[in-house]
């Protein structure tokens, strides 16, 4: 993935990985707008349901538009690939059938194209989409806003998504139950604890706070976020704060910023106190994509982060 021995592979990237990396590079400013380079929030409260419906949707929507990638692939997983008519440019396409029409990005959706597609349900996400875009779309179509903050929220999200979108209840229940089983297995396995800092952006360095799904997922995988006490979802850091956190491991997911060994070296040069701290590069979608990807993350992330591959 990064030309390193990450995820048990070495050497050059295959076409799938290289294509996803190109996608990640293209997504940089889709995820982090120029103003503050921060992901806009939906400004929902912490007590928001894991899937909030804005407007009245039919019991079986026939024309669904999805505004974020992990929501799109979860719609496919609950049997709705044929009814997804629109997606963002960064969303995956189904393995069978014609791909849904691309309608802009997560931060710059093509509102005219979405309206013209006459959707009877639009799927959005608190941490991926802008409040003003969701409000504009809600003026002409019902919108379901996803807001899972913990891994334990994901099974409920999957079940509610299938209910709201008219998905296959059996597929949703099977997926939700597997996520619950894998979560319970990790809790019972008592992963050895490590204190980590997970970076999501550079220039300046950004990290995860305590109010997010990714921090909870890391906890299940044995990594305690050094900045979990900060209840923001993500924020920027200076070098002194990173050094003072005294991490046992430095985590570099490859999205939304496509971190590689150059960035690991740059951080260690900038902050000499981190030169001996192990670092790990890995598939960022495992950390931040919720839904069907959660199951993959619960099965793969612990092994990817244990034992930790040091980059020297």
C-alpha atoms as a PDB file:
ATOM      1  CA  UNK A   1       0.000   0.000   0.000  1.00  0.00           C
ATOM      2  CA  UNK A   2       2.837   2.373   0.837  1.00  0.00           C
ATOM      3  CA  UNK A   3       5.770   0.495  -0.649  1.00  0.00           C
ATOM      4  CA  UNK A   4       6.350  -0.886   2.864  1.00  0.00           C
ATOM      5  CA  UNK A   5       5.704  -4.213   4.560  1.00  0.00           C
ATOM      6  CA  UNK A   6       2.240  -3.140   5.654  1.00  0.00           C
ATOM      7  CA  UNK A   7      -0.750  -5.452   6.039  1.00  0.00           C
ATOM      8  CA  UNK A   8       1.484  -8.435   5.352  1.00  0.00           C
ATOM      9  CA  UNK A   9       2.423  -7.392   1.813  1.00  0.00           C
ATOM     10  CA  UNK A  10       5.562  -6.048   0.213  1.00  0.00           C
ATOM     11  CA  UNK A  11       6.604  -4.462  -3.039  1.00  0.00           C
ATOM     12  CA  UNK A  12       4.611  -2.532  -5.580  1.00  0.00           C
ATOM     13  CA  UNK A  13       0.954  -1.758  -5.239  1.00  0.00           C
ATOM     14  CA  UNK A  14      -1.556  -3.799  -7.175  1.00  0.00           C
ATOM     15  CA  UNK A  15      -4.052  -2.051  -9.439  1.00  0.00           C
ATOM     16  CA  UNK A  16      -6.803  -2.045  -6.824  1.00  0.00           C
ATOM     17  CA  UNK A  17      -4.619  -0.467  -4.142  1.00  0.00           C
ATOM     18  CA  UNK A  18      -3.076   2.018  -6.551  1.00  0.00           C
ATOM     19  CA  UNK A  19      -6.512   3.020  -7.749  1.00  0.00           C
ATOM     20  CA  UNK A  20      -7.739   3.524  -4.203  1.00  0.00           C
ATOM     21  CA  UNK A  21      -4.640   5.609  -3.426  1.00  0.00           C
ATOM     22  CA  UNK A  22      -5.354   7.837  -6.425  1.00  0.00           C
ATOM     23  CA  UNK A  23      -8.883   8.165  -5.109  1.00  0.00           C
ATOM     24  CA  UNK A  24      -7.529   9.103  -1.667  1.00  0.00           C
ATOM     25  CA  UNK A  25      -5.311  11.794  -3.160  1.00  0.00           C
ATOM     26  CA  UNK A  26      -8.240  13.209  -5.098  1.00  0.00           C
ATOM     27  CA  UNK A  27     -10.333  13.227  -1.921  1.00  0.00           C
ATOM     28  CA  UNK A  28      -7.972  15.372   0.141  1.00  0.00           C
ATOM     29  CA  UNK A  29      -9.722  18.668  -0.178  1.00  0.00           C
ATOM     30  CA  UNK A  30     -13.087  17.003  -0.515  1.00  0.00           C
ATOM     31  CA  UNK A  31     -12.553  15.895   3.084  1.00  0.00           C
ATOM     32  CA  UNK A  32     -10.728  18.991   4.319  1.00  0.00           C
ATOM     33  CA  UNK A  33     -11.971  22.293   2.838  1.00  0.00           C
ATOM     34  CA  UNK A  34      -9.472  25.138   2.703  1.00  0.00           C
ATOM     35  CA  UNK A  35     -11.109  26.996   5.565  1.00  0.00           C
ATOM     36  CA  UNK A  36      -9.378  25.486   8.620  1.00  0.00           C
ATOM     37  CA  UNK A  37      -9.028  22.188   6.723  1.00  0.00           C
ATOM     38  CA  UNK A  38     -11.581  20.742   9.081  1.00  0.00           C
ATOM     39  CA  UNK A  39     -14.364  18.347   8.245  1.00  0.00           C
ATOM     40  CA  UNK A  40     -17.635  20.280   8.685  1.00  0.00           C
ATOM     41  CA  UNK A  41     -19.993  18.767  11.252  1.00  0.00           C
ATOM     42  CA  UNK A  42     -23.703  18.232  10.964  1.00  0.00           C
ATOM     43  CA  UNK A  43     -24.100  19.998  14.327  1.00  0.00           C
ATOM     44  CA  UNK A  44     -26.357  17.254  15.612  1.00  0.00           C
ATOM     45  CA  UNK A  45     -26.235  16.696  19.355  1.00  0.00           C
ATOM     46  CA  UNK A  46     -24.469  13.772  20.988  1.00  0.00           C
ATOM     47  CA  UNK A  47     -27.898  12.306  21.713  1.00  0.00           C
ATOM     48  CA  UNK A  48     -28.865  12.209  18.040  1.00  0.00           C
ATOM     49  CA  UNK A  49     -30.093   8.797  16.920  1.00  0.00           C
ATOM     50  CA  UNK A  50     -27.694   6.691  14.901  1.00  0.00           C
ATOM     51  CA  UNK A  51     -29.888   7.327  11.873  1.00  0.00           C
ATOM     52  CA  UNK A  52     -32.108  10.410  11.911  1.00  0.00           C
ATOM     53  CA  UNK A  53     -34.761  10.772   9.225  1.00  0.00           C
ATOM     54  CA  UNK A  54     -35.450  14.301   8.015  1.00  0.00           C
ATOM     55  CA  UNK A  55     -38.807  14.250   6.235  1.00  0.00           C
ATOM     56  CA  UNK A  56     -41.138  11.390   5.376  1.00  0.00           C
ATOM     57  CA  UNK A  57     -39.759   8.590   3.215  1.00  0.00           C
ATOM     58  CA  UNK A  58     -41.833   5.879   1.522  1.00  0.00           C
ATOM     59  CA  UNK A  59     -41.734   2.451   3.163  1.00  0.00           C
ATOM     60  CA  UNK A  60     -39.843   1.075   0.178  1.00  0.00           C
ATOM     61  CA  UNK A  61     -37.769   3.793  -1.518  1.00  0.00           C
ATOM     62  CA  UNK A  62     -37.057   3.010  -5.151  1.00  0.00           C
ATOM     63  CA  UNK A  63     -34.581   5.789  -5.948  1.00  0.00           C
ATOM     64  CA  UNK A  64     -31.834   6.242  -3.348  1.00  0.00           C
ATOM     65  CA  UNK A  65     -28.901   8.665  -3.472  1.00  0.00           C
ATOM     66  CA  UNK A  66     -25.988   8.118  -1.088  1.00  0.00           C
ATOM     67  CA  UNK A  67     -23.659  10.967  -0.162  1.00  0.00           C
ATOM     68  CA  UNK A  68     -20.823   9.060   1.503  1.00  0.00           C
ATOM     69  CA  UNK A  69     -18.827   5.923   0.647  1.00  0.00           C
ATOM     70  CA  UNK A  70     -19.341   3.658   3.663  1.00  0.00           C
ATOM     71  CA  UNK A  71     -23.067   4.331   3.571  1.00  0.00           C
ATOM     72  CA  UNK A  72     -23.148   3.412  -0.101  1.00  0.00           C
ATOM     73  CA  UNK A  73     -21.418   0.076   0.361  1.00  0.00           C
ATOM     74  CA  UNK A  74     -23.677  -0.717   3.324  1.00  0.00           C
ATOM     75  CA  UNK A  75     -26.734  -0.073   1.147  1.00  0.00           C
ATOM     76  CA  UNK A  76     -25.318  -2.629  -1.282  1.00  0.00           C
ATOM     77  CA  UNK A  77     -24.742  -5.062   1.588  1.00  0.00           C
ATOM     78  CA  UNK A  78     -28.422  -4.975   2.632  1.00  0.00           C
ATOM     79  CA  UNK A  79     -29.563  -5.760  -0.897  1.00  0.00           C
ATOM     80  CA  UNK A  80     -30.186  -2.298  -2.330  1.00  0.00           C
ATOM     81  CA  UNK A  81     -27.609  -1.981  -5.114  1.00  0.00           C
ATOM     82  CA  UNK A  82     -30.306  -1.919  -7.799  1.00  0.00           C
ATOM     83  CA  UNK A  83     -32.127   0.951  -6.103  1.00  0.00           C
ATOM     84  CA  UNK A  84     -29.132   3.253  -5.563  1.00  0.00           C
ATOM     85  CA  UNK A  85     -29.380   5.721  -8.455  1.00  0.00           C
ATOM     86  CA  UNK A  86     -26.826   8.266  -7.260  1.00  0.00           C
ATOM     87  CA  UNK A  87     -23.571   8.344  -5.322  1.00  0.00           C
ATOM     88  CA  UNK A  88     -20.536  10.569  -4.794  1.00  0.00           C
ATOM     89  CA  UNK A  89     -17.518  10.293  -7.031  1.00  0.00           C
ATOM     90  CA  UNK A  90     -15.675   8.558  -4.196  1.00  0.00           C
ATOM     91  CA  UNK A  91     -18.268   5.897  -3.471  1.00  0.00           C
ATOM     92  CA  UNK A  92     -17.695   2.266  -4.473  1.00  0.00           C
ATOM     93  CA  UNK A  93     -19.761   0.783  -7.258  1.00  0.00           C
ATOM     94  CA  UNK A  94     -21.616  -2.544  -7.036  1.00  0.00           C
ATOM     95  CA  UNK A  95     -19.927  -5.648  -8.352  1.00  0.00           C
ATOM     96  CA  UNK A  96     -22.956  -6.440 -10.519  1.00  0.00           C
ATOM     97  CA  UNK A  97     -25.109  -4.178 -12.625  1.00  0.00           C
ATOM     98  CA  UNK A  98     -24.672  -0.617 -13.860  1.00  0.00           C
ATOM     99  CA  UNK A  99     -22.954   1.786 -11.426  1.00  0.00           C
ATOM    100  CA  UNK A 100     -25.083   4.562  -9.936  1.00  0.00           C
ATOM    101  CA  UNK A 101     -24.539   8.027 -11.391  1.00  0.00           C
ATOM    102  CA  UNK A 102     -21.807  10.097  -9.713  1.00  0.00           C
ATOM    103  CA  UNK A 103     -23.279  13.330  -8.346  1.00  0.00           C
ATOM    104  CA  UNK A 104     -20.363  15.334  -6.959  1.00  0.00           C
ATOM    105  CA  UNK A 105     -18.377  14.781  -3.789  1.00  0.00           C
ATOM    106  CA  UNK A 106     -19.159  14.496  -0.117  1.00  0.00           C
ATOM    107  CA  UNK A 107     -18.470  18.202   0.463  1.00  0.00           C
ATOM    108  CA  UNK A 108     -19.575  19.477  -2.936  1.00  0.00           C
ATOM    109  CA  UNK A 109     -22.569  17.383  -4.021  1.00  0.00           C
ATOM    110  CA  UNK A 110     -24.214  18.306  -7.303  1.00  0.00           C
ATOM    111  CA  UNK A 111     -27.519  19.487  -5.867  1.00  0.00           C
ATOM    112  CA  UNK A 112     -29.055  20.026  -9.298  1.00  0.00           C
ATOM    113  CA  UNK A 113     -28.195  16.475 -10.363  1.00  0.00           C
ATOM    114  CA  UNK A 114     -29.538  15.060  -7.123  1.00  0.00           C
ATOM    115  CA  UNK A 115     -32.809  16.966  -7.513  1.00  0.00           C
ATOM    116  CA  UNK A 116     -33.098  15.882 -11.151  1.00  0.00           C
ATOM    117  CA  UNK A 117     -32.709  12.233 -10.131  1.00  0.00           C
ATOM    118  CA  UNK A 118     -35.981  12.563  -8.146  1.00  0.00           C
ATOM    119  CA  UNK A 119     -34.775  10.548  -5.145  1.00  0.00           C
ATOM    120  CA  UNK A 120     -37.247   9.304  -2.573  1.00  0.00           C
ATOM    121  CA  UNK A 121     -34.427   8.871  -0.036  1.00  0.00           C
ATOM    122  CA  UNK A 122     -30.970  10.454   0.350  1.00  0.00           C
ATOM    123  CA  UNK A 123     -28.407   9.002   2.770  1.00  0.00           C
ATOM    124  CA  UNK A 124     -25.971  11.418   4.439  1.00  0.00           C
ATOM    125  CA  UNK A 125     -23.532  11.327   7.364  1.00  0.00           C
ATOM    126  CA  UNK A 126     -22.834  13.757  10.184  1.00  0.00           C
ATOM    127  CA  UNK A 127     -19.060  13.546   9.769  1.00  0.00           C
ATOM    128  CA  UNK A 128     -18.907  13.406   5.965  1.00  0.00           C
ATOM    129  CA  UNK A 129     -21.444  15.908   4.684  1.00  0.00           C
ATOM    130  CA  UNK A 130     -22.073  19.609   5.174  1.00  0.00           C
ATOM    131  CA  UNK A 131     -25.065  20.799   7.143  1.00  0.00           C
ATOM    132  CA  UNK A 132     -26.047  23.337   4.485  1.00  0.00           C
ATOM    133  CA  UNK A 133     -26.067  20.703   1.740  1.00  0.00           C
ATOM    134  CA  UNK A 134     -28.200  18.320   3.798  1.00  0.00           C
ATOM    135  CA  UNK A 135     -30.632  21.114   4.617  1.00  0.00           C
ATOM    136  CA  UNK A 136     -30.873  22.077   0.940  1.00  0.00           C
ATOM    137  CA  UNK A 137     -31.562  18.478  -0.104  1.00  0.00           C
ATOM    138  CA  UNK A 138     -34.109  18.052   2.686  1.00  0.00           C
ATOM    139  CA  UNK A 139     -36.080  20.790   0.957  1.00  0.00           C
ATOM    140  CA  UNK A 140     -36.939  18.436  -1.908  1.00  0.00           C
ATOM    141  CA  UNK A 141     -36.281  14.885  -0.640  1.00  0.00           C
ATOM    142  CA  UNK A 142     -36.271  12.949   2.639  1.00  0.00           C
ATOM    143  CA  UNK A 143     -32.763  12.592   4.095  1.00  0.00           C
ATOM    144  CA  UNK A 144     -31.496   9.931   6.517  1.00  0.00           C
ATOM    145  CA  UNK A 145     -28.489  11.237   8.474  1.00  0.00           C
ATOM    146  CA  UNK A 146     -26.133   8.613   9.925  1.00  0.00           C
ATOM    147  CA  UNK A 147     -24.442   9.388  13.228  1.00  0.00           C
ATOM    148  CA  UNK A 148     -22.758   6.334  14.785  1.00  0.00           C
ATOM    149  CA  UNK A 149     -20.296   7.489  17.449  1.00  0.00           C
ATOM    150  CA  UNK A 150     -19.304   4.059  18.793  1.00  0.00           C
ATOM    151  CA  UNK A 151     -18.790   0.604  17.307  1.00  0.00           C
ATOM    152  CA  UNK A 152     -21.771  -0.528  19.384  1.00  0.00           C
ATOM    153  CA  UNK A 153     -23.917   1.939  17.393  1.00  0.00           C
ATOM    154  CA  UNK A 154     -23.185   0.233  14.080  1.00  0.00           C
ATOM    155  CA  UNK A 155     -25.472  -2.811  14.403  1.00  0.00           C
ATOM    156  CA  UNK A 156     -28.369  -0.469  15.198  1.00  0.00           C
ATOM    157  CA  UNK A 157     -27.364   1.714  12.240  1.00  0.00           C
ATOM    158  CA  UNK A 158     -27.400  -1.308   9.893  1.00  0.00           C
ATOM    159  CA  UNK A 159     -30.803  -2.459  11.117  1.00  0.00           C
ATOM    160  CA  UNK A 160     -32.327   1.025  10.934  1.00  0.00           C
ATOM    161  CA  UNK A 161     -30.824   1.668   7.520  1.00  0.00           C
ATOM    162  CA  UNK A 162     -32.471  -1.460   6.156  1.00  0.00           C
ATOM    163  CA  UNK A 163     -35.755  -0.477   7.790  1.00  0.00           C
ATOM    164  CA  UNK A 164     -35.739   3.091   6.464  1.00  0.00           C
ATOM    165  CA  UNK A 165     -34.483   2.191   2.995  1.00  0.00           C
ATOM    166  CA  UNK A 166     -36.522  -0.955   2.452  1.00  0.00           C
ATOM    167  CA  UNK A 167     -33.483  -3.229   2.499  1.00  0.00           C
ATOM    168  CA  UNK A 168     -33.499  -6.948   3.131  1.00  0.00           C
ATOM    169  CA  UNK A 169     -34.066  -7.467   6.856  1.00  0.00           C
ATOM    170  CA  UNK A 170     -32.368 -10.863   6.809  1.00  0.00           C
ATOM    171  CA  UNK A 171     -29.165  -9.499   5.320  1.00  0.00           C
ATOM    172  CA  UNK A 172     -29.177  -6.544   7.717  1.00  0.00           C
ATOM    173  CA  UNK A 173     -29.723  -8.769  10.743  1.00  0.00           C
ATOM    174  CA  UNK A 174     -26.994 -11.165   9.671  1.00  0.00           C
ATOM    175  CA  UNK A 175     -24.511  -8.307   9.235  1.00  0.00           C
ATOM    176  CA  UNK A 176     -25.509  -6.601  12.491  1.00  0.00           C
ATOM    177  CA  UNK A 177     -25.217  -9.867  14.416  1.00  0.00           C
ATOM    178  CA  UNK A 178     -21.766 -10.591  12.993  1.00  0.00           C
ATOM    179  CA  UNK A 179     -20.577  -7.131  14.052  1.00  0.00           C
ATOM    180  CA  UNK A 180     -21.938  -7.726  17.552  1.00  0.00           C
ATOM    181  CA  UNK A 181     -20.253 -11.137  17.716  1.00  0.00           C
ATOM    182  CA  UNK A 182     -16.878  -9.802  16.532  1.00  0.00           C
ATOM    183  CA  UNK A 183     -17.079  -6.902  19.003  1.00  0.00           C
ATOM    184  CA  UNK A 184     -17.799  -9.309  21.850  1.00  0.00           C
ATOM    185  CA  UNK A 185     -14.924 -11.515  20.751  1.00  0.00           C
ATOM    186  CA  UNK A 186     -12.497  -8.598  20.882  1.00  0.00           C
ATOM    187  CA  UNK A 187     -13.733  -7.555  24.317  1.00  0.00           C
ATOM    188  CA  UNK A 188     -13.242 -11.105  25.580  1.00  0.00           C
ATOM    189  CA  UNK A 189      -9.787 -11.399  24.020  1.00  0.00           C
ATOM    190  CA  UNK A 190      -8.433  -8.641  26.284  1.00  0.00           C
ATOM    191  CA  UNK A 191      -6.103  -7.098  23.729  1.00  0.00           C
ATOM    192  CA  UNK A 192      -2.843  -5.760  25.268  1.00  0.00           C
ATOM    193  CA  UNK A 193      -3.212  -2.017  25.785  1.00  0.00           C
ATOM    194  CA  UNK A 194      -1.073   0.526  23.943  1.00  0.00           C
ATOM    195  CA  UNK A 195      -1.284   4.307  24.013  1.00  0.00           C
ATOM    196  CA  UNK A 196      -1.478   5.751  20.513  1.00  0.00           C
ATOM    197  CA  UNK A 197      -1.869   8.873  18.428  1.00  0.00           C
ATOM    198  CA  UNK A 198      -3.762   8.482  15.143  1.00  0.00           C
ATOM    199  CA  UNK A 199      -3.034  11.148  12.543  1.00  0.00           C
ATOM    200  CA  UNK A 200      -5.609  12.098   9.935  1.00  0.00           C
ATOM    201  CA  UNK A 201      -3.973  15.140   8.306  1.00  0.00           C
ATOM    202  CA  UNK A 202      -0.701  16.961   7.922  1.00  0.00           C
ATOM    203  CA  UNK A 203      -0.020  20.699   7.643  1.00  0.00           C
ATOM    204  CA  UNK A 204      -0.639  21.061  10.560  1.00  0.00           C
ATOM    205  CA  UNK A 205      -0.942  17.633  12.137  1.00  0.00           C
ATOM    206  CA  UNK A 206      -4.520  16.624  12.930  1.00  0.00           C
ATOM    207  CA  UNK A 207      -5.673  13.817  15.183  1.00  0.00           C
ATOM    208  CA  UNK A 208      -8.790  12.114  16.503  1.00  0.00           C
ATOM    209  CA  UNK A 209     -10.476  13.154  19.727  1.00  0.00           C
ATOM    210  CA  UNK A 210     -12.715  11.149  21.998  1.00  0.00           C
ATOM    211  CA  UNK A 211     -16.046  11.851  20.320  1.00  0.00           C
ATOM    212  CA  UNK A 212     -15.765   9.581  17.320  1.00  0.00           C
ATOM    213  CA  UNK A 213     -16.294   6.088  16.032  1.00  0.00           C
ATOM    214  CA  UNK A 214     -12.619   5.656  15.111  1.00  0.00           C
ATOM    215  CA  UNK A 215     -11.401   6.198  18.685  1.00  0.00           C
ATOM    216  CA  UNK A 216     -13.847   3.593  19.964  1.00  0.00           C
ATOM    217  CA  UNK A 217     -12.766   1.136  17.275  1.00  0.00           C
ATOM    218  CA  UNK A 218      -9.119   1.612  18.221  1.00  0.00           C
ATOM    219  CA  UNK A 219     -10.039   0.948  21.863  1.00  0.00           C
ATOM    220  CA  UNK A 220     -11.522  -2.417  20.908  1.00  0.00           C
ATOM    221  CA  UNK A 221      -8.336  -3.189  18.986  1.00  0.00           C
ATOM    222  CA  UNK A 222      -6.101  -2.494  21.989  1.00  0.00           C
ATOM    223  CA  UNK A 223      -5.122   1.113  21.229  1.00  0.00           C
ATOM    224  CA  UNK A 224      -6.051   3.806  23.750  1.00  0.00           C
ATOM    225  CA  UNK A 225      -6.222   7.183  22.025  1.00  0.00           C
ATOM    226  CA  UNK A 226      -3.837   9.515  23.846  1.00  0.00           C
ATOM    227  CA  UNK A 227      -6.258  12.375  23.144  1.00  0.00           C
ATOM    228  CA  UNK A 228      -9.516  10.621  24.017  1.00  0.00           C
ATOM    229  CA  UNK A 229     -10.146  13.042  26.895  1.00  0.00           C
ATOM    230  CA  UNK A 230     -10.688  15.799  24.338  1.00  0.00           C
ATOM    231  CA  UNK A 231     -14.342  15.416  23.367  1.00  0.00           C
ATOM    232  CA  UNK A 232     -13.923  17.007  19.966  1.00  0.00           C
ATOM    233  CA  UNK A 233     -14.075  14.640  17.019  1.00  0.00           C
ATOM    234  CA  UNK A 234     -10.799  15.852  15.485  1.00  0.00           C
ATOM    235  CA  UNK A 235      -8.469  18.800  15.922  1.00  0.00           C
ATOM    236  CA  UNK A 236      -4.991  20.105  15.097  1.00  0.00           C
ATOM    237  CA  UNK A 237      -1.905  19.532  17.247  1.00  0.00           C
ATOM    238  CA  UNK A 238       1.466  21.180  17.734  1.00  0.00           C
ATOM    239  CA  UNK A 239       4.648  19.202  18.200  1.00  0.00           C
ATOM    240  CA  UNK A 240       4.862  19.838  21.933  1.00  0.00           C
ATOM    241  CA  UNK A 241       1.392  18.382  22.479  1.00  0.00           C
ATOM    242  CA  UNK A 242       2.209  15.266  20.490  1.00  0.00           C
ATOM    243  CA  UNK A 243       5.444  14.692  22.407  1.00  0.00           C
ATOM    244  CA  UNK A 244       3.747  15.348  25.756  1.00  0.00           C
ATOM    245  CA  UNK A 245       1.159  12.662  24.993  1.00  0.00           C
ATOM    246  CA  UNK A 246       3.957  10.049  25.296  1.00  0.00           C
ATOM    247  CA  UNK A 247       2.475   7.581  22.792  1.00  0.00           C
ATOM    248  CA  UNK A 248       3.556   3.961  22.527  1.00  0.00           C
ATOM    249  CA  UNK A 249       2.648   3.888  18.845  1.00  0.00           C
ATOM    250  CA  UNK A 250       2.032   6.347  16.001  1.00  0.00           C
ATOM    251  CA  UNK A 251      -0.816   5.469  13.622  1.00  0.00           C
ATOM    252  CA  UNK A 252      -0.900   6.671  10.015  1.00  0.00           C
ATOM    253  CA  UNK A 253      -4.064   5.605   8.122  1.00  0.00           C
ATOM    254  CA  UNK A 254      -3.813   6.242   4.390  1.00  0.00           C
ATOM    255  CA  UNK A 255      -6.979   8.338   4.236  1.00  0.00           C
ATOM    256  CA  UNK A 256      -8.245  11.016   4.325  1.00  0.00           C
ATOM    257  CA  UNK A 257      -4.560  11.995   4.006  1.00  0.00           C
ATOM    258  CA  UNK A 258      -2.421   9.508   2.042  1.00  0.00           C
ATOM    259  CA  UNK A 259       0.309   9.064   4.637  1.00  0.00           C
ATOM    260  CA  UNK A 260       3.420   7.137   3.683  1.00  0.00           C
ATOM    261  CA  UNK A 261       6.924   6.554   5.042  1.00  0.00           C
ATOM    262  CA  UNK A 262       7.965  10.102   4.070  1.00  0.00           C
ATOM    263  CA  UNK A 263       5.442  11.555   6.502  1.00  0.00           C
ATOM    264  CA  UNK A 264       6.538   9.221   9.281  1.00  0.00           C
ATOM    265  CA  UNK A 265      10.122  10.398   8.790  1.00  0.00           C
ATOM    266  CA  UNK A 266       8.995  14.024   8.665  1.00  0.00           C
ATOM    267  CA  UNK A 267       7.191  13.732  11.990  1.00  0.00           C
ATOM    268  CA  UNK A 268      10.191  12.108  13.636  1.00  0.00           C
ATOM    269  CA  UNK A 269      12.474  14.834  12.288  1.00  0.00           C
ATOM    270  CA  UNK A 270      10.098  17.524  13.520  1.00  0.00           C
ATOM    271  CA  UNK A 271       9.701  15.908  16.952  1.00  0.00           C
ATOM    272  CA  UNK A 272      12.936  14.122  17.961  1.00  0.00           C
ATOM    273  CA  UNK A 273      11.263  12.618  21.044  1.00  0.00           C
ATOM    274  CA  UNK A 274       9.269  10.362  18.676  1.00  0.00           C
ATOM    275  CA  UNK A 275      12.223   8.895  16.797  1.00  0.00           C
ATOM    276  CA  UNK A 276      12.110   5.591  18.682  1.00  0.00           C
ATOM    277  CA  UNK A 277       8.328   5.265  18.778  1.00  0.00           C
ATOM    278  CA  UNK A 278       6.975   2.506  16.508  1.00  0.00           C
ATOM    279  CA  UNK A 279       4.748   3.630  13.651  1.00  0.00           C
ATOM    280  CA  UNK A 280       2.130   1.820  11.601  1.00  0.00           C
ATOM    281  CA  UNK A 281       0.792   2.578   8.133  1.00  0.00           C
ATOM    282  CA  UNK A 282      -2.503   0.920   7.249  1.00  0.00           C
ATOM    283  CA  UNK A 283      -5.732   1.031   5.232  1.00  0.00           C
ATOM    284  CA  UNK A 284      -7.579   4.099   6.502  1.00  0.00           C
ATOM    285  CA  UNK A 285     -10.991   2.848   5.438  1.00  0.00           C
ATOM    286  CA  UNK A 286     -10.763   0.224   8.174  1.00  0.00           C
ATOM    287  CA  UNK A 287     -10.535   2.986  10.756  1.00  0.00           C
ATOM    288  CA  UNK A 288     -13.166   5.474   9.617  1.00  0.00           C
ATOM    289  CA  UNK A 289     -15.737   3.698   7.430  1.00  0.00           C
ATOM    290  CA  UNK A 290     -18.696   2.409   9.440  1.00  0.00           C
ATOM    291  CA  UNK A 291     -21.296  -0.140   8.392  1.00  0.00           C
ATOM    292  CA  UNK A 292     -20.326  -3.254   6.471  1.00  0.00           C
ATOM    293  CA  UNK A 293     -16.665  -2.120   6.658  1.00  0.00           C
ATOM    294  CA  UNK A 294     -16.858  -2.323  10.462  1.00  0.00           C
ATOM    295  CA  UNK A 295     -16.962  -6.103  10.261  1.00  0.00           C
ATOM    296  CA  UNK A 296     -13.818  -6.158   8.142  1.00  0.00           C
ATOM    297  CA  UNK A 297     -12.119  -3.748  10.563  1.00  0.00           C
ATOM    298  CA  UNK A 298     -12.937  -5.809  13.648  1.00  0.00           C
ATOM    299  CA  UNK A 299     -11.477  -8.882  11.974  1.00  0.00           C
ATOM    300  CA  UNK A 300      -8.361  -7.285  10.489  1.00  0.00           C
ATOM    301  CA  UNK A 301      -7.269  -4.235  12.487  1.00  0.00           C
ATOM    302  CA  UNK A 302      -6.125  -5.999  15.678  1.00  0.00           C
ATOM    303  CA  UNK A 303      -3.686  -8.136  13.700  1.00  0.00           C
ATOM    304  CA  UNK A 304      -2.489  -5.147  11.671  1.00  0.00           C
ATOM    305  CA  UNK A 305      -1.738  -3.201  14.829  1.00  0.00           C
ATOM    306  CA  UNK A 306      -0.320  -6.165  16.791  1.00  0.00           C
ATOM    307  CA  UNK A 307       2.567  -6.785  16.656  1.00  0.00           C
ATOM    308  CA  UNK A 308       3.437  -3.295  15.509  1.00  0.00           C
ATOM    309  CA  UNK A 309       5.734  -2.998  12.507  1.00  0.00           C
ATOM    310  CA  UNK A 310       8.380  -0.402  13.188  1.00  0.00           C
ATOM    311  CA  UNK A 311       9.408   1.977  10.415  1.00  0.00           C
ATOM    312  CA  UNK A 312      12.997   3.055  10.853  1.00  0.00           C
END
